[in-house]
Amino acid sequence: MKKVLILNYHLIDNKTYEFDSFGGIYAVKIEDFKEQMQVLKDNNIPVVSLKEVLNNNITENFNVAITFDDGNPSDFDVVYPVLKRHNYTASFFLCIQNIKENNSAIWEHYRKMKREGFEIASHGLTHRDLTKIEDNLLIKEMQNSKLIIEKNLETSVLFFSLPFGMYNKNVIKSAKDAGYKSLLSTHFKFADPEKKSFLSGRWSIKRTTSIDDFKLIIQNDRLTILKYRCISFMKKFFISGMGSSLTNKLYTFKNKHLSKK
């Protein structure tokens, strides 16, 4: 059976973040990101595009796809040269409020990346939990973000990554109605190209993700995979019950304080 592990990154930088900062959890250090990419190279792991996954153009049994959410400055300043050095492809999911529709310099960066084969896709307009908004706002998040990216990059947008990984039947229907070919969550799960599932899981790489765990997942260690599946399930459960903002603060507190003990 062929399977794909879709990696999910956000910001890549070396700054220090406050307790309640969203970036504190997901801001992977530059050196760690470079080391993770080198692990893929050293282990001869094929890096495939989301289009290859969507179309089942996969030849190896184990593959990795790389994605980045939010539309951070590090996409072009840090990530792009590292990926080019390794000849890796990736997909970048833009949150329009971070890009600002009229910022021509930022759009030119993504146009350049698109011309060189990188996938540019949507992460919505405002990064809201789509399961908790009215239908008319949900449609705008799905459709308008797609149209803005397509207008600026003159390309079709096929993929949408879900803010906080949250979805329900209404969100899935809205994505299909908007013309997306695939939704991506943050639930830890391998993608099976042969099943052609509309919804795919990803492994969210955090600032605290150890290089040892990264290597074990890449080497298909079952216990480590089980651990992350359990963590992913618990995260989804807590977000559903407490809300994404409070859950994020608890995760940041745990990573900042408890991990030191």
C-alpha atoms as a PDB file:
ATOM      1  CA  MET A   1       0.000   0.000   0.000  1.00  0.00           C
ATOM      2  CA  LYS A   2       1.310   3.445  -0.946  1.00  0.00           C
ATOM      3  CA  LYS A   3       1.002   6.159   1.687  1.00  0.00           C
ATOM      4  CA  VAL A   4       1.914   9.813   2.048  1.00  0.00           C
ATOM      5  CA  LEU A   5       2.790  11.703   5.222  1.00  0.00           C
ATOM      6  CA  ILE A   6       1.790  15.339   4.721  1.00  0.00           C
ATOM      7  CA  LEU A   7       3.898  17.636   6.894  1.00  0.00           C
ATOM      8  CA  ASN A   8       2.279  20.854   8.104  1.00  0.00           C
ATOM      9  CA  TYR A   9       4.482  23.858   8.943  1.00  0.00           C
ATOM     10  CA  HIS A  10       3.675  27.465   9.765  1.00  0.00           C
ATOM     11  CA  LEU A  11       6.218  30.138  10.649  1.00  0.00           C
ATOM     12  CA  ILE A  12       9.928  29.318  10.403  1.00  0.00           C
ATOM     13  CA  ASP A  13      12.051  31.661  12.533  1.00  0.00           C
ATOM     14  CA  ASN A  14      14.197  31.991  15.661  1.00  0.00           C
ATOM     15  CA  LYS A  15      12.246  34.628  17.603  1.00  0.00           C
ATOM     16  CA  THR A  16      11.065  34.214  21.199  1.00  0.00           C
ATOM     17  CA  TYR A  17       7.294  34.329  21.758  1.00  0.00           C
ATOM     18  CA  GLU A  18       5.104  35.226  24.708  1.00  0.00           C
ATOM     19  CA  PHE A  19       2.944  32.740  26.632  1.00  0.00           C
ATOM     20  CA  ASP A  20      -0.254  33.434  24.694  1.00  0.00           C
ATOM     21  CA  SER A  21       1.323  33.913  21.297  1.00  0.00           C
ATOM     22  CA  PHE A  22      -0.067  31.732  18.536  1.00  0.00           C
ATOM     23  CA  GLY A  23       3.361  31.686  16.926  1.00  0.00           C
ATOM     24  CA  GLY A  24       4.909  30.282  20.085  1.00  0.00           C
ATOM     25  CA  ILE A  25       3.648  26.784  19.323  1.00  0.00           C
ATOM     26  CA  TYR A  26       4.122  26.588  15.594  1.00  0.00           C
ATOM     27  CA  ALA A  27       7.193  28.759  14.978  1.00  0.00           C
ATOM     28  CA  VAL A  28       9.798  26.141  14.111  1.00  0.00           C
ATOM     29  CA  LYS A  29      13.395  27.262  14.478  1.00  0.00           C
ATOM     30  CA  ILE A  30      15.287  27.745  11.239  1.00  0.00           C
ATOM     31  CA  GLU A  31      18.015  25.291  12.219  1.00  0.00           C
ATOM     32  CA  ASP A  32      15.422  22.648  13.143  1.00  0.00           C
ATOM     33  CA  PHE A  33      13.630  23.055   9.829  1.00  0.00           C
ATOM     34  CA  LYS A  34      16.876  22.699   7.912  1.00  0.00           C
ATOM     35  CA  GLU A  35      17.771  19.599   9.912  1.00  0.00           C
ATOM     36  CA  GLN A  36      14.352  18.046   9.230  1.00  0.00           C
ATOM     37  CA  MET A  37      14.745  18.609   5.504  1.00  0.00           C
ATOM     38  CA  GLN A  38      18.192  17.017   5.685  1.00  0.00           C
ATOM     39  CA  VAL A  39      16.687  13.985   7.448  1.00  0.00           C
ATOM     40  CA  LEU A  40      14.363  13.506   4.482  1.00  0.00           C
ATOM     41  CA  LYS A  41      17.345  13.728   2.144  1.00  0.00           C
ATOM     42  CA  ASP A  42      19.516  11.364   4.207  1.00  0.00           C
ATOM     43  CA  ASN A  43      16.727   8.766   4.350  1.00  0.00           C
ATOM     44  CA  ASN A  44      15.992   9.054   0.616  1.00  0.00           C
ATOM     45  CA  ILE A  45      12.325   9.888   1.275  1.00  0.00           C
ATOM     46  CA  PRO A  46      10.519  10.969  -1.907  1.00  0.00           C
ATOM     47  CA  VAL A  47       8.956  14.426  -1.574  1.00  0.00           C
ATOM     48  CA  VAL A  48       5.823  14.636  -3.702  1.00  0.00           C
ATOM     49  CA  SER A  49       3.338  17.378  -4.537  1.00  0.00           C
ATOM     50  CA  LEU A  50      -0.292  17.468  -3.441  1.00  0.00           C
ATOM     51  CA  LYS A  51      -1.283  17.219  -7.095  1.00  0.00           C
ATOM     52  CA  GLU A  52       0.616  13.942  -7.348  1.00  0.00           C
ATOM     53  CA  VAL A  53      -1.253  12.706  -4.280  1.00  0.00           C
ATOM     54  CA  LEU A  54      -4.580  13.909  -5.693  1.00  0.00           C
ATOM     55  CA  ASN A  55      -3.973  12.217  -9.046  1.00  0.00           C
ATOM     56  CA  ASN A  56      -2.366   9.095  -7.528  1.00  0.00           C
ATOM     57  CA  ASN A  57       0.874   9.677  -9.416  1.00  0.00           C
ATOM     58  CA  ILE A  58       2.892   8.018  -6.662  1.00  0.00           C
ATOM     59  CA  THR A  59       5.413   5.277  -7.344  1.00  0.00           C
ATOM     60  CA  GLU A  60       7.067   4.646  -3.954  1.00  0.00           C
ATOM     61  CA  ASN A  61       5.395   3.003  -0.951  1.00  0.00           C
ATOM     62  CA  PHE A  62       6.253   5.818   1.498  1.00  0.00           C
ATOM     63  CA  ASN A  63       6.323   9.496   0.544  1.00  0.00           C
ATOM     64  CA  VAL A  64       6.237  12.924   2.140  1.00  0.00           C
ATOM     65  CA  ALA A  65       4.417  16.066   1.024  1.00  0.00           C
ATOM     66  CA  ILE A  66       5.325  19.426   2.580  1.00  0.00           C
ATOM     67  CA  THR A  67       2.824  22.207   3.341  1.00  0.00           C
ATOM     68  CA  PHE A  68       2.952  25.655   4.967  1.00  0.00           C
ATOM     69  CA  ASP A  69      -0.056  27.479   6.405  1.00  0.00           C
ATOM     70  CA  ASP A  70      -0.887  31.175   6.882  1.00  0.00           C
ATOM     71  CA  GLY A  71       1.261  32.980   4.297  1.00  0.00           C
ATOM     72  CA  ASN A  72       4.139  34.010   6.550  1.00  0.00           C
ATOM     73  CA  PRO A  73       7.147  36.094   5.403  1.00  0.00           C
ATOM     74  CA  SER A  74       9.355  33.079   6.101  1.00  0.00           C
ATOM     75  CA  ASP A  75       7.715  31.268   3.170  1.00  0.00           C
ATOM     76  CA  PHE A  76       9.885  33.198   0.743  1.00  0.00           C
ATOM     77  CA  ASP A  77      12.711  34.477   2.952  1.00  0.00           C
ATOM     78  CA  VAL A  78      13.605  31.181   4.658  1.00  0.00           C
ATOM     79  CA  VAL A  79      11.672  28.204   3.303  1.00  0.00           C
ATOM     80  CA  TYR A  80      11.970  28.855  -0.416  1.00  0.00           C
ATOM     81  CA  PRO A  81      15.808  28.776  -0.610  1.00  0.00           C
ATOM     82  CA  VAL A  82      16.006  25.681   1.628  1.00  0.00           C
ATOM     83  CA  LEU A  83      13.524  23.780  -0.537  1.00  0.00           C
ATOM     84  CA  LYS A  84      15.272  24.892  -3.723  1.00  0.00           C
ATOM     85  CA  ARG A  85      18.589  23.652  -2.353  1.00  0.00           C
ATOM     86  CA  HIS A  86      17.109  20.185  -1.853  1.00  0.00           C
ATOM     87  CA  ASN A  87      15.022  20.334  -5.040  1.00  0.00           C
ATOM     88  CA  TYR A  88      11.860  19.766  -2.953  1.00  0.00           C
ATOM     89  CA  THR A  89       8.385  20.847  -3.899  1.00  0.00           C
ATOM     90  CA  ALA A  90       5.800  22.170  -1.409  1.00  0.00           C
ATOM     91  CA  SER A  91       2.359  23.750  -1.077  1.00  0.00           C
ATOM     92  CA  PHE A  92       1.721  27.141   0.535  1.00  0.00           C
ATOM     93  CA  PHE A  93      -1.731  27.907   1.968  1.00  0.00           C
ATOM     94  CA  LEU A  94      -2.390  31.628   2.120  1.00  0.00           C
ATOM     95  CA  CYS A  95      -4.588  33.341   4.708  1.00  0.00           C
ATOM     96  CA  ILE A  96      -5.636  36.503   2.872  1.00  0.00           C
ATOM     97  CA  GLN A  97      -5.610  38.776   5.947  1.00  0.00           C
ATOM     98  CA  ASN A  98      -1.889  37.992   6.337  1.00  0.00           C
ATOM     99  CA  ILE A  99      -1.075  38.667   2.691  1.00  0.00           C
ATOM    100  CA  LYS A 100      -3.151  41.834   2.246  1.00  0.00           C
ATOM    101  CA  GLU A 101      -4.778  41.827  -1.152  1.00  0.00           C
ATOM    102  CA  ASN A 102      -3.031  44.960  -2.444  1.00  0.00           C
ATOM    103  CA  ASN A 103       0.538  44.113  -1.354  1.00  0.00           C
ATOM    104  CA  SER A 104       2.164  43.677  -4.753  1.00  0.00           C
ATOM    105  CA  ALA A 105       5.608  42.741  -3.364  1.00  0.00           C
ATOM    106  CA  ILE A 106       4.245  39.772  -1.399  1.00  0.00           C
ATOM    107  CA  TRP A 107       2.132  38.584  -4.316  1.00  0.00           C
ATOM    108  CA  GLU A 108       5.165  38.781  -6.592  1.00  0.00           C
ATOM    109  CA  HIS A 109       7.017  36.414  -4.243  1.00  0.00           C
ATOM    110  CA  TYR A 110       4.246  33.843  -4.575  1.00  0.00           C
ATOM    111  CA  ARG A 111       4.032  34.390  -8.341  1.00  0.00           C
ATOM    112  CA  LYS A 112       7.730  33.572  -8.556  1.00  0.00           C
ATOM    113  CA  MET A 113       7.261  30.455  -6.435  1.00  0.00           C
ATOM    114  CA  LYS A 114       4.270  29.407  -8.533  1.00  0.00           C
ATOM    115  CA  ARG A 115       6.295  29.782 -11.738  1.00  0.00           C
ATOM    116  CA  GLU A 116       8.932  27.477 -10.252  1.00  0.00           C
ATOM    117  CA  GLY A 117       6.426  24.717  -9.559  1.00  0.00           C
ATOM    118  CA  PHE A 118       5.270  25.358  -5.997  1.00  0.00           C
ATOM    119  CA  GLU A 119       1.570  24.939  -5.236  1.00  0.00           C
ATOM    120  CA  ILE A 120      -0.250  28.010  -3.894  1.00  0.00           C
ATOM    121  CA  ALA A 121      -3.590  27.347  -2.226  1.00  0.00           C
ATOM    122  CA  SER A 122      -6.101  28.808   0.248  1.00  0.00           C
ATOM    123  CA  HIS A 123      -6.262  28.960   4.054  1.00  0.00           C
ATOM    124  CA  GLY A 124      -9.323  31.232   4.060  1.00  0.00           C
ATOM    125  CA  LEU A 125      -9.786  34.959   4.522  1.00  0.00           C
ATOM    126  CA  THR A 126      -9.479  35.482   8.272  1.00  0.00           C
ATOM    127  CA  HIS A 127      -8.341  32.218   9.917  1.00  0.00           C
ATOM    128  CA  ARG A 128     -11.582  31.526  11.769  1.00  0.00           C
ATOM    129  CA  ASP A 129     -12.970  28.202  12.931  1.00  0.00           C
ATOM    130  CA  LEU A 130     -15.237  27.491   9.975  1.00  0.00           C
ATOM    131  CA  THR A 131     -17.505  25.222  12.008  1.00  0.00           C
ATOM    132  CA  LYS A 132     -18.601  28.171  14.170  1.00  0.00           C
ATOM    133  CA  ILE A 133     -19.584  30.822  11.619  1.00  0.00           C
ATOM    134  CA  GLU A 134     -22.760  31.542   9.648  1.00  0.00           C
ATOM    135  CA  ASP A 135     -23.263  29.995   6.221  1.00  0.00           C
ATOM    136  CA  ASN A 136     -22.831  33.273   4.327  1.00  0.00           C
ATOM    137  CA  LEU A 137     -19.484  33.897   6.049  1.00  0.00           C
ATOM    138  CA  LEU A 138     -18.392  30.321   5.411  1.00  0.00           C
ATOM    139  CA  ILE A 139     -19.097  30.743   1.698  1.00  0.00           C
ATOM    140  CA  LYS A 140     -17.053  33.961   1.639  1.00  0.00           C
ATOM    141  CA  GLU A 141     -14.133  32.310   3.442  1.00  0.00           C
ATOM    142  CA  MET A 142     -14.107  29.498   0.904  1.00  0.00           C
ATOM    143  CA  GLN A 143     -14.977  31.264  -2.333  1.00  0.00           C
ATOM    144  CA  ASN A 144     -13.514  34.749  -1.932  1.00  0.00           C
ATOM    145  CA  SER A 145     -10.115  33.534  -0.749  1.00  0.00           C
ATOM    146  CA  LYS A 146      -9.959  31.228  -3.760  1.00  0.00           C
ATOM    147  CA  LEU A 147     -10.917  34.019  -6.175  1.00  0.00           C
ATOM    148  CA  ILE A 148      -8.371  36.471  -4.719  1.00  0.00           C
ATOM    149  CA  ILE A 149      -5.506  34.005  -5.078  1.00  0.00           C
ATOM    150  CA  GLU A 150      -6.578  32.975  -8.574  1.00  0.00           C
ATOM    151  CA  LYS A 151      -6.818  36.637  -9.630  1.00  0.00           C
ATOM    152  CA  ASN A 152      -3.369  37.537  -8.307  1.00  0.00           C
ATOM    153  CA  LEU A 153      -1.558  34.394  -9.459  1.00  0.00           C
ATOM    154  CA  GLU A 154      -3.569  33.612 -12.606  1.00  0.00           C
ATOM    155  CA  THR A 155      -3.882  29.973 -11.654  1.00  0.00           C
ATOM    156  CA  SER A 156      -6.487  27.509 -10.409  1.00  0.00           C
ATOM    157  CA  VAL A 157      -6.630  26.928  -6.650  1.00  0.00           C
ATOM    158  CA  LEU A 158      -7.338  23.255  -5.950  1.00  0.00           C
ATOM    159  CA  PHE A 159      -6.609  22.850  -2.232  1.00  0.00           C
ATOM    160  CA  PHE A 160      -7.863  24.368   1.023  1.00  0.00           C
ATOM    161  CA  SER A 161      -6.315  23.875   4.463  1.00  0.00           C
ATOM    162  CA  LEU A 162      -8.708  24.158   7.401  1.00  0.00           C
ATOM    163  CA  PRO A 163      -7.970  26.758  10.117  1.00  0.00           C
ATOM    164  CA  PHE A 164      -7.321  24.863  13.370  1.00  0.00           C
ATOM    165  CA  GLY A 165      -8.029  21.686  11.363  1.00  0.00           C
ATOM    166  CA  MET A 166     -11.736  21.998  12.189  1.00  0.00           C
ATOM    167  CA  TYR A 167     -14.505  20.830   9.858  1.00  0.00           C
ATOM    168  CA  ASN A 168     -18.012  19.393   9.689  1.00  0.00           C
ATOM    169  CA  LYS A 169     -20.376  18.293   6.931  1.00  0.00           C
ATOM    170  CA  ASN A 170     -21.285  21.877   6.115  1.00  0.00           C
ATOM    171  CA  VAL A 171     -17.636  22.885   5.715  1.00  0.00           C
ATOM    172  CA  ILE A 172     -16.947  19.921   3.441  1.00  0.00           C
ATOM    173  CA  LYS A 173     -20.003  20.713   1.292  1.00  0.00           C
ATOM    174  CA  SER A 174     -19.013  24.375   1.036  1.00  0.00           C
ATOM    175  CA  ALA A 175     -15.490  23.415  -0.066  1.00  0.00           C
ATOM    176  CA  LYS A 176     -16.847  21.146  -2.787  1.00  0.00           C
ATOM    177  CA  ASP A 177     -19.305  23.832  -3.931  1.00  0.00           C
ATOM    178  CA  ALA A 178     -16.444  26.343  -4.164  1.00  0.00           C
ATOM    179  CA  GLY A 179     -14.569  24.004  -6.528  1.00  0.00           C
ATOM    180  CA  TYR A 180     -11.800  22.701  -4.308  1.00  0.00           C
ATOM    181  CA  LYS A 181     -10.498  19.224  -5.066  1.00  0.00           C
ATOM    182  CA  SER A 182      -9.144  18.469  -1.593  1.00  0.00           C
ATOM    183  CA  LEU A 183      -9.370  19.635   2.025  1.00  0.00           C
ATOM    184  CA  LEU A 184      -6.477  19.331   4.480  1.00  0.00           C
ATOM    185  CA  SER A 185      -6.915  19.110   8.236  1.00  0.00           C
ATOM    186  CA  THR A 186      -4.399  18.872  11.081  1.00  0.00           C
ATOM    187  CA  HIS A 187      -5.458  15.394  12.185  1.00  0.00           C
ATOM    188  CA  PHE A 188      -2.428  13.090  12.200  1.00  0.00           C
ATOM    189  CA  LYS A 189      -3.159  10.551   9.506  1.00  0.00           C
ATOM    190  CA  PHE A 190      -1.347   9.166   6.478  1.00  0.00           C
ATOM    191  CA  ALA A 191      -2.890   9.881   3.085  1.00  0.00           C
ATOM    192  CA  ASP A 192      -3.715   6.970   0.783  1.00  0.00           C
ATOM    193  CA  PRO A 193      -3.650   8.210  -2.845  1.00  0.00           C
ATOM    194  CA  GLU A 194      -5.567   5.176  -4.057  1.00  0.00           C
ATOM    195  CA  LYS A 195      -8.603   6.007  -1.883  1.00  0.00           C
ATOM    196  CA  LYS A 196      -8.891   9.506  -3.396  1.00  0.00           C
ATOM    197  CA  SER A 197     -10.314  10.919  -0.176  1.00  0.00           C
ATOM    198  CA  PHE A 198     -11.535  14.528  -0.297  1.00  0.00           C
ATOM    199  CA  LEU A 199     -10.180  15.113   3.229  1.00  0.00           C
ATOM    200  CA  SER A 200      -6.531  14.459   4.121  1.00  0.00           C
ATOM    201  CA  GLY A 201      -4.753  14.576   7.474  1.00  0.00           C
ATOM    202  CA  ARG A 202      -1.386  16.171   8.202  1.00  0.00           C
ATOM    203  CA  TRP A 203       1.308  16.075  10.871  1.00  0.00           C
ATOM    204  CA  SER A 204       1.690  19.559  12.374  1.00  0.00           C
ATOM    205  CA  ILE A 205       5.355  20.189  13.104  1.00  0.00           C
ATOM    206  CA  LYS A 206       5.733  22.328  16.226  1.00  0.00           C
ATOM    207  CA  ARG A 207       8.626  24.175  17.828  1.00  0.00           C
ATOM    208  CA  THR A 208       8.876  21.333  20.353  1.00  0.00           C
ATOM    209  CA  THR A 209       8.875  18.503  17.801  1.00  0.00           C
ATOM    210  CA  SER A 210      12.102  16.680  18.507  1.00  0.00           C
ATOM    211  CA  ILE A 211      14.436  15.585  15.759  1.00  0.00           C
ATOM    212  CA  ASP A 212      14.362  12.079  17.268  1.00  0.00           C
ATOM    213  CA  ASP A 213      10.571  11.890  16.880  1.00  0.00           C
ATOM    214  CA  PHE A 214      10.874  13.298  13.374  1.00  0.00           C
ATOM    215  CA  LYS A 215      13.336  10.574  12.430  1.00  0.00           C
ATOM    216  CA  LEU A 216      11.193   7.837  14.012  1.00  0.00           C
ATOM    217  CA  ILE A 217       8.076   8.938  12.121  1.00  0.00           C
ATOM    218  CA  ILE A 218      10.024   9.070   8.853  1.00  0.00           C
ATOM    219  CA  GLN A 219      11.320   5.578   9.615  1.00  0.00           C
ATOM    220  CA  ASN A 220       7.734   4.411  10.235  1.00  0.00           C
ATOM    221  CA  ASP A 221       8.117   3.641  13.947  1.00  0.00           C
ATOM    222  CA  ARG A 222       4.706   2.363  15.063  1.00  0.00           C
ATOM    223  CA  LEU A 223       4.857   3.467  18.703  1.00  0.00           C
ATOM    224  CA  THR A 224       5.792   7.023  17.784  1.00  0.00           C
ATOM    225  CA  ILE A 225       3.065   7.133  15.145  1.00  0.00           C
ATOM    226  CA  LEU A 226       0.538   5.897  17.715  1.00  0.00           C
ATOM    227  CA  LYS A 227       1.667   8.598  20.151  1.00  0.00           C
ATOM    228  CA  TYR A 228       1.068  11.372  17.657  1.00  0.00           C
ATOM    229  CA  ARG A 229      -2.275   9.962  16.619  1.00  0.00           C
ATOM    230  CA  CYS A 230      -3.379  10.057  20.273  1.00  0.00           C
ATOM    231  CA  ILE A 231      -2.108  13.621  20.681  1.00  0.00           C
ATOM    232  CA  SER A 232      -3.942  14.653  17.522  1.00  0.00           C
ATOM    233  CA  PHE A 233      -7.192  13.105  18.735  1.00  0.00           C
ATOM    234  CA  MET A 234      -6.923  14.843  22.103  1.00  0.00           C
ATOM    235  CA  LYS A 235      -6.213  18.196  20.480  1.00  0.00           C
ATOM    236  CA  LYS A 236      -9.280  17.927  18.265  1.00  0.00           C
ATOM    237  CA  PHE A 237     -11.392  16.923  21.272  1.00  0.00           C
ATOM    238  CA  PHE A 238     -10.236  19.891  23.368  1.00  0.00           C
ATOM    239  CA  ILE A 239     -10.628  22.401  20.543  1.00  0.00           C
ATOM    240  CA  SER A 240     -14.196  21.215  19.989  1.00  0.00           C
ATOM    241  CA  GLY A 241     -14.991  21.558  23.680  1.00  0.00           C
ATOM    242  CA  MET A 242     -13.050  24.656  24.754  1.00  0.00           C
ATOM    243  CA  GLY A 243     -12.403  26.632  21.595  1.00  0.00           C
ATOM    244  CA  SER A 244      -9.227  27.097  19.581  1.00  0.00           C
ATOM    245  CA  SER A 245      -7.954  30.182  21.429  1.00  0.00           C
ATOM    246  CA  LEU A 246      -8.011  28.646  24.927  1.00  0.00           C
ATOM    247  CA  THR A 247      -6.631  25.349  23.673  1.00  0.00           C
ATOM    248  CA  ASN A 248      -3.734  27.188  22.008  1.00  0.00           C
ATOM    249  CA  LYS A 249      -2.846  28.920  25.291  1.00  0.00           C
ATOM    250  CA  LEU A 250      -2.850  25.624  27.176  1.00  0.00           C
ATOM    251  CA  TYR A 251      -0.555  24.041  24.593  1.00  0.00           C
ATOM    252  CA  THR A 252       1.794  27.018  24.761  1.00  0.00           C
ATOM    253  CA  PHE A 253       1.880  26.854  28.562  1.00  0.00           C
ATOM    254  CA  LYS A 254       2.645  23.126  28.466  1.00  0.00           C
ATOM    255  CA  ASN A 255       5.419  23.557  25.915  1.00  0.00           C
ATOM    256  CA  LYS A 256       6.987  26.521  27.722  1.00  0.00           C
ATOM    257  CA  HIS A 257       6.828  25.316  31.310  1.00  0.00           C
ATOM    258  CA  LEU A 258       6.192  21.612  31.632  1.00  0.00           C
ATOM    259  CA  SER A 259       8.706  20.544  29.002  1.00  0.00           C
ATOM    260  CA  LYS A 260      11.485  22.036  31.156  1.00  0.00           C
ATOM    261  CA  LYS A 261      10.852  19.596  34.007  1.00  0.00           C
END
